[in-house]
Amino acid sequence: MAVMIPNTDFIVSNPHLDASWTFRIDDVGESVQESHQNVTTVISLISDAFGCFYRPTSIEVGEFTYPNEVSLDQIYDFESTDLIAESYEYEDQDGLDVSEIFEQFSESTTEDGYQRIVSNVKFGSGLTKFYISGENRYLCSENDQYYKVVNRRNEDDILGSSSIDPLRFEVSHDIDGYDDSSPMTSILVSVYTDTDIWFKDTTIGAINRGRLVTCLNQFKEELEPDRIQFFADSLSESTLEEEDHLTDLAIHSRE
């Protein structure tokens, strides 16, 4: 039986990597309705930027609804504000149509006439296109032939299948505080990964990294965030900035 080479014959799932890029965008909405539209616009930008190599298979949408008299500076006053929290889940193993799902949330008021704001969205699982073992393949945690967990001290020691997909997204709307009694709200978009294929100094690593870099840059250009933060348990921001083959991933450090 031929020996399988990690990140050549299969993608390595590395739960200890815990890497992410988080984009922070100031929410300039002046009403609940405007803030809702800002969040849904950001979600459509994720679909536009990453749709070429990522298809979500499960999406969870969290929504708050409020009476019309509730103003933007009251929406996170949970003790005194009358609100209803709803959660919606969508699944399709062949891939979900993001625009079709969020068409249901396109209006800033519900059918009952309540104001709404999408407060949290999780792309919990999905199919990511990788070049691996000589072909382009869409992989998720169920593809244990080409996506495996290995012993982090010895990558030749294959431990089995992964329970976490290689790429995930989360969007949240939150309040940062108050400025002259006006709320300062923001939209956070996090791109999570638990595979280190993007960081490998190999031809296959470069092919896959190029796809991710293209999507991250497109998203950055369209979103114009005021801050980007990179985090990884086993990889520092300075490593991205200093290693020649990784500098394209250091989008957090660019003007």
Protein backbone atom coordinates (compact mmCIF):
# COMPACT_ATOMS: atom_id res chain seq x y z
CA MET A 1 0.00 0.00 0.00
CA ALA A 2 1.42 3.38 -1.05
CA VAL A 3 2.23 5.85 1.69
CA MET A 4 -0.01 8.92 1.57
CA ILE A 5 1.79 12.25 1.79
CA PRO A 6 0.07 14.94 3.91
CA ASN A 7 -1.02 18.05 1.99
CA THR A 8 -0.07 16.32 -1.25
CA ASP A 9 -2.33 13.27 -1.39
CA PHE A 10 -4.82 14.64 1.15
CA ILE A 11 -5.58 17.88 2.99
CA VAL A 12 -4.49 17.96 6.63
CA SER A 13 -7.06 18.95 9.23
CA ASN A 14 -5.16 20.63 12.04
CA PRO A 15 -7.55 21.55 14.91
CA HIS A 16 -4.64 23.05 16.86
CA LEU A 17 -4.06 25.68 14.15
CA ASP A 18 -7.34 27.53 14.90
CA ALA A 19 -6.56 30.26 12.36
CA SER A 20 -8.86 33.13 11.42
CA TRP A 21 -9.08 36.49 9.70
CA THR A 22 -11.59 38.86 11.32
CA PHE A 23 -12.80 41.92 9.45
CA ARG A 24 -14.35 44.74 11.47
CA ILE A 25 -16.65 47.21 9.70
CA ASP A 26 -18.17 50.28 11.31
CA ASP A 27 -21.93 50.13 10.98
CA VAL A 28 -22.92 53.62 9.86
CA GLY A 29 -26.64 52.88 9.95
CA GLU A 30 -28.76 55.50 11.69
CA SER A 31 -31.78 53.26 12.22
CA VAL A 32 -32.58 49.62 12.86
CA GLN A 33 -33.68 49.25 9.24
CA GLU A 34 -30.42 50.70 7.87
CA SER A 35 -28.30 48.49 10.13
CA HIS A 36 -30.24 45.44 8.96
CA GLN A 37 -29.56 46.34 5.33
CA ASN A 38 -25.87 46.85 6.12
CA VAL A 39 -25.60 43.33 7.58
CA THR A 40 -27.35 41.67 4.63
CA THR A 41 -25.13 43.60 2.21
CA VAL A 42 -22.02 42.22 3.95
CA ILE A 43 -23.40 38.68 3.69
CA SER A 44 -23.93 39.08 -0.05
CA LEU A 45 -20.31 40.29 -0.36
CA ILE A 46 -19.11 37.06 1.31
CA SER A 47 -21.03 35.06 -1.25
CA ASP A 48 -19.65 37.16 -4.12
CA ALA A 49 -16.03 36.98 -2.94
CA PHE A 50 -15.80 33.35 -1.87
CA GLY A 51 -18.41 31.76 -4.13
CA CYS A 52 -15.81 30.67 -6.66
CA PHE A 53 -14.37 28.04 -4.32
CA TYR A 54 -16.74 27.70 -1.35
CA ARG A 55 -20.32 26.37 -1.22
CA PRO A 56 -22.03 26.43 2.20
CA THR A 57 -24.04 23.33 3.09
CA SER A 58 -25.44 24.62 6.40
CA ILE A 59 -26.33 28.17 7.41
CA GLU A 60 -27.77 29.35 10.72
CA VAL A 61 -29.35 32.81 10.84
CA GLY A 62 -30.09 34.63 14.10
CA GLU A 63 -32.55 37.52 13.99
CA PHE A 64 -33.91 40.07 16.46
CA THR A 65 -37.27 41.74 15.83
CA TYR A 66 -38.52 44.87 17.60
CA PRO A 67 -41.62 47.06 17.76
CA ASN A 68 -41.38 50.07 15.45
CA GLU A 69 -40.89 52.53 18.29
CA VAL A 70 -37.57 50.93 19.30
CA SER A 71 -34.60 53.03 18.15
CA LEU A 72 -31.11 51.89 17.20
CA ASP A 73 -29.63 52.89 20.55
CA GLN A 74 -32.09 50.58 22.31
CA ILE A 75 -31.66 47.35 20.38
CA TYR A 76 -29.03 45.89 22.74
CA ASP A 77 -30.73 47.05 25.92
CA PHE A 78 -32.01 43.55 26.60
CA GLU A 79 -33.41 44.38 30.04
CA SER A 80 -35.86 47.06 28.95
CA THR A 81 -36.36 46.50 25.21
CA ASP A 82 -39.17 44.30 23.97
CA LEU A 83 -37.58 41.98 21.41
CA ILE A 84 -38.09 38.56 19.92
CA ALA A 85 -35.09 36.36 19.08
CA GLU A 86 -35.50 33.91 16.22
CA SER A 87 -33.17 31.35 14.72
CA TYR A 88 -33.40 29.71 11.29
CA GLU A 89 -31.39 26.78 9.98
CA TYR A 90 -30.86 25.74 6.36
CA GLU A 91 -29.13 22.61 5.06
CA ASP A 92 -28.36 21.13 1.66
CA GLN A 93 -25.45 18.74 1.20
CA ASP A 94 -25.08 19.80 -2.43
CA GLY A 95 -24.65 23.46 -1.46
CA LEU A 96 -26.99 26.30 -0.50
CA ASP A 97 -27.88 29.34 -2.58
CA VAL A 98 -26.97 32.23 -0.24
CA SER A 99 -28.82 34.88 -2.27
CA GLU A 100 -31.96 32.77 -2.30
CA ILE A 101 -31.89 32.30 1.48
CA PHE A 102 -31.29 35.96 2.24
CA GLU A 103 -33.99 37.08 -0.16
CA GLN A 104 -36.26 36.09 2.75
CA PHE A 105 -34.49 38.71 4.89
CA SER A 106 -34.26 41.44 2.24
CA GLU A 107 -37.01 43.55 3.77
CA SER A 108 -36.10 45.53 6.90
CA THR A 109 -39.51 44.76 8.45
CA THR A 110 -41.25 41.42 8.96
CA GLU A 111 -44.64 40.45 7.57
CA ASP A 112 -46.06 41.35 10.99
CA GLY A 113 -44.68 44.87 10.67
CA TYR A 114 -41.84 44.51 13.18
CA GLN A 115 -38.39 45.98 12.65
CA ARG A 116 -35.72 43.30 12.21
CA ILE A 117 -31.98 42.97 12.27
CA VAL A 118 -29.94 39.91 11.35
CA SER A 119 -27.69 39.68 14.40
CA ASN A 120 -25.64 36.57 13.66
CA VAL A 121 -25.00 34.26 10.71
CA LYS A 122 -22.94 31.06 10.80
CA PHE A 123 -21.77 29.21 7.71
CA GLY A 124 -21.13 26.17 9.86
CA SER A 125 -20.26 23.68 7.15
CA GLY A 126 -19.51 23.80 3.48
CA LEU A 127 -17.63 22.44 0.51
CA THR A 128 -14.24 24.05 -0.20
CA LYS A 129 -12.47 23.56 -3.53
CA PHE A 130 -8.90 22.32 -3.12
CA TYR A 131 -6.30 21.22 -5.60
CA ILE A 132 -5.10 17.94 -4.08
CA SER A 133 -3.86 14.60 -5.38
CA GLY A 134 -3.72 15.95 -8.93
CA GLU A 135 -7.29 17.25 -9.16
CA ASN A 136 -9.68 19.96 -8.02
CA ARG A 137 -11.97 18.51 -5.37
CA TYR A 138 -14.72 19.98 -3.21
CA LEU A 139 -14.05 18.77 0.34
CA CYS A 140 -15.73 18.87 3.73
CA SER A 141 -15.34 16.91 6.97
CA GLU A 142 -17.20 13.94 5.44
CA ASN A 143 -14.58 13.47 2.70
CA ASP A 144 -12.26 11.34 4.81
CA GLN A 145 -10.36 10.06 1.79
CA TYR A 146 -8.90 13.49 1.06
CA TYR A 147 -9.33 15.35 4.37
CA LYS A 148 -7.75 13.77 7.46
CA VAL A 149 -6.50 14.53 10.95
CA VAL A 150 -2.85 13.69 11.57
CA ASN A 151 -0.66 13.57 14.64
CA ARG A 152 0.74 17.11 14.88
CA ARG A 153 4.08 15.70 16.09
CA ASN A 154 4.26 13.22 13.21
CA GLU A 155 2.21 14.03 10.11
CA ASP A 156 2.78 10.52 8.75
CA ASP A 157 0.61 9.25 11.60
CA ILE A 158 -2.95 9.55 10.26
CA LEU A 159 -5.48 9.68 13.10
CA GLY A 160 -8.67 9.53 11.03
CA SER A 161 -11.45 11.78 9.78
CA SER A 162 -12.07 15.34 10.92
CA SER A 163 -15.20 16.67 12.62
CA ILE A 164 -14.55 20.26 11.44
CA ASP A 165 -14.80 21.58 7.90
CA PRO A 166 -11.70 23.24 6.42
CA LEU A 167 -13.34 26.67 5.98
CA ARG A 168 -16.12 28.38 7.96
CA PHE A 169 -17.58 31.88 8.21
CA GLU A 170 -19.39 33.86 10.88
CA VAL A 171 -21.01 37.30 10.71
CA SER A 172 -22.19 39.18 13.79
CA HIS A 173 -23.65 42.60 14.52
CA ASP A 174 -22.80 44.04 17.92
CA ILE A 175 -22.44 47.22 19.90
CA ASP A 176 -18.98 48.56 20.79
CA GLY A 177 -20.16 51.25 23.18
CA TYR A 178 -21.55 54.75 23.03
CA ASP A 179 -20.24 58.05 21.69
CA ASP A 180 -22.12 61.14 22.89
CA SER A 181 -25.01 58.84 23.83
CA SER A 182 -25.17 57.45 20.29
CA PRO A 183 -24.49 53.72 19.82
CA MET A 184 -21.31 52.62 18.07
CA THR A 185 -22.20 49.39 16.33
CA SER A 186 -20.04 47.22 14.11
CA ILE A 187 -20.24 44.20 11.86
CA LEU A 188 -17.65 41.48 12.39
CA VAL A 189 -16.86 38.90 9.72
CA SER A 190 -14.62 35.98 10.69
CA VAL A 191 -13.08 33.51 8.26
CA TYR A 192 -11.96 30.38 10.12
CA THR A 193 -9.75 27.56 8.93
CA ASP A 194 -8.29 24.45 10.55
CA THR A 195 -6.15 23.27 7.68
CA ASP A 196 -2.56 24.40 7.24
CA ILE A 197 -2.43 23.73 3.47
CA TRP A 198 -2.63 27.50 2.90
CA PHE A 199 0.64 28.05 4.79
CA LYS A 200 2.80 25.34 3.17
CA ASP A 201 5.82 26.36 1.07
CA THR A 202 5.02 23.86 -1.70
CA THR A 203 3.56 24.00 -5.20
CA ILE A 204 0.27 22.54 -3.99
CA GLY A 205 0.26 24.92 -1.04
CA ALA A 206 0.82 27.87 -3.41
CA ILE A 207 -2.07 26.83 -5.69
CA ASN A 208 -4.53 26.60 -2.83
CA ARG A 209 -3.15 29.66 -1.07
CA GLY A 210 -3.58 31.69 -4.26
CA ARG A 211 -7.31 30.96 -4.30
CA LEU A 212 -7.76 31.98 -0.69
CA VAL A 213 -5.67 35.13 -1.13
CA THR A 214 -7.73 36.17 -4.16
CA CYS A 215 -10.97 35.81 -2.21
CA LEU A 216 -9.67 37.56 0.92
CA ASN A 217 -8.39 40.47 -1.14
CA GLN A 218 -11.62 40.80 -3.12
CA PHE A 219 -13.59 40.76 0.11
CA LYS A 220 -11.31 43.38 1.65
CA GLU A 221 -11.60 45.68 -1.36
CA GLU A 222 -15.39 45.47 -1.48
CA LEU A 223 -15.87 45.69 2.28
CA GLU A 224 -13.31 48.40 3.10
CA PRO A 225 -13.00 47.32 6.76
CA ASP A 226 -11.47 49.64 9.32
CA ARG A 227 -9.56 46.76 10.93
CA ILE A 228 -8.42 43.24 10.04
CA GLN A 229 -7.01 40.88 12.65
CA PHE A 230 -5.23 37.59 12.01
CA PHE A 231 -5.02 34.96 14.72
CA ALA A 232 -3.65 31.43 14.92
CA ASP A 233 -2.58 29.31 17.86
CA SER A 234 0.55 28.08 16.12
CA LEU A 235 1.28 30.90 13.66
CA SER A 236 1.98 34.54 14.47
CA GLU A 237 1.09 37.68 12.52
CA SER A 238 4.80 38.45 12.19
CA THR A 239 5.40 35.06 10.54
CA LEU A 240 2.93 35.94 7.79
CA GLU A 241 4.65 39.27 7.28
CA GLU A 242 8.21 37.92 7.25
CA GLU A 243 8.01 34.62 5.35
CA ASP A 244 8.20 35.26 1.59
CA HIS A 245 5.65 32.60 0.66
CA LEU A 246 3.14 33.84 3.23
CA THR A 247 3.17 37.61 2.73
CA ASP A 248 0.13 37.49 0.44
CA LEU A 249 -1.90 36.22 3.41
CA ALA A 250 -0.82 39.15 5.60
CA ILE A 251 -3.75 41.31 4.53
CA HIS A 252 -4.11 42.57 8.13
CA SER A 253 -0.86 44.53 7.78
CA ARG A 254 -1.60 46.33 4.50
CA GLU A 255 -2.77 49.89 4.16
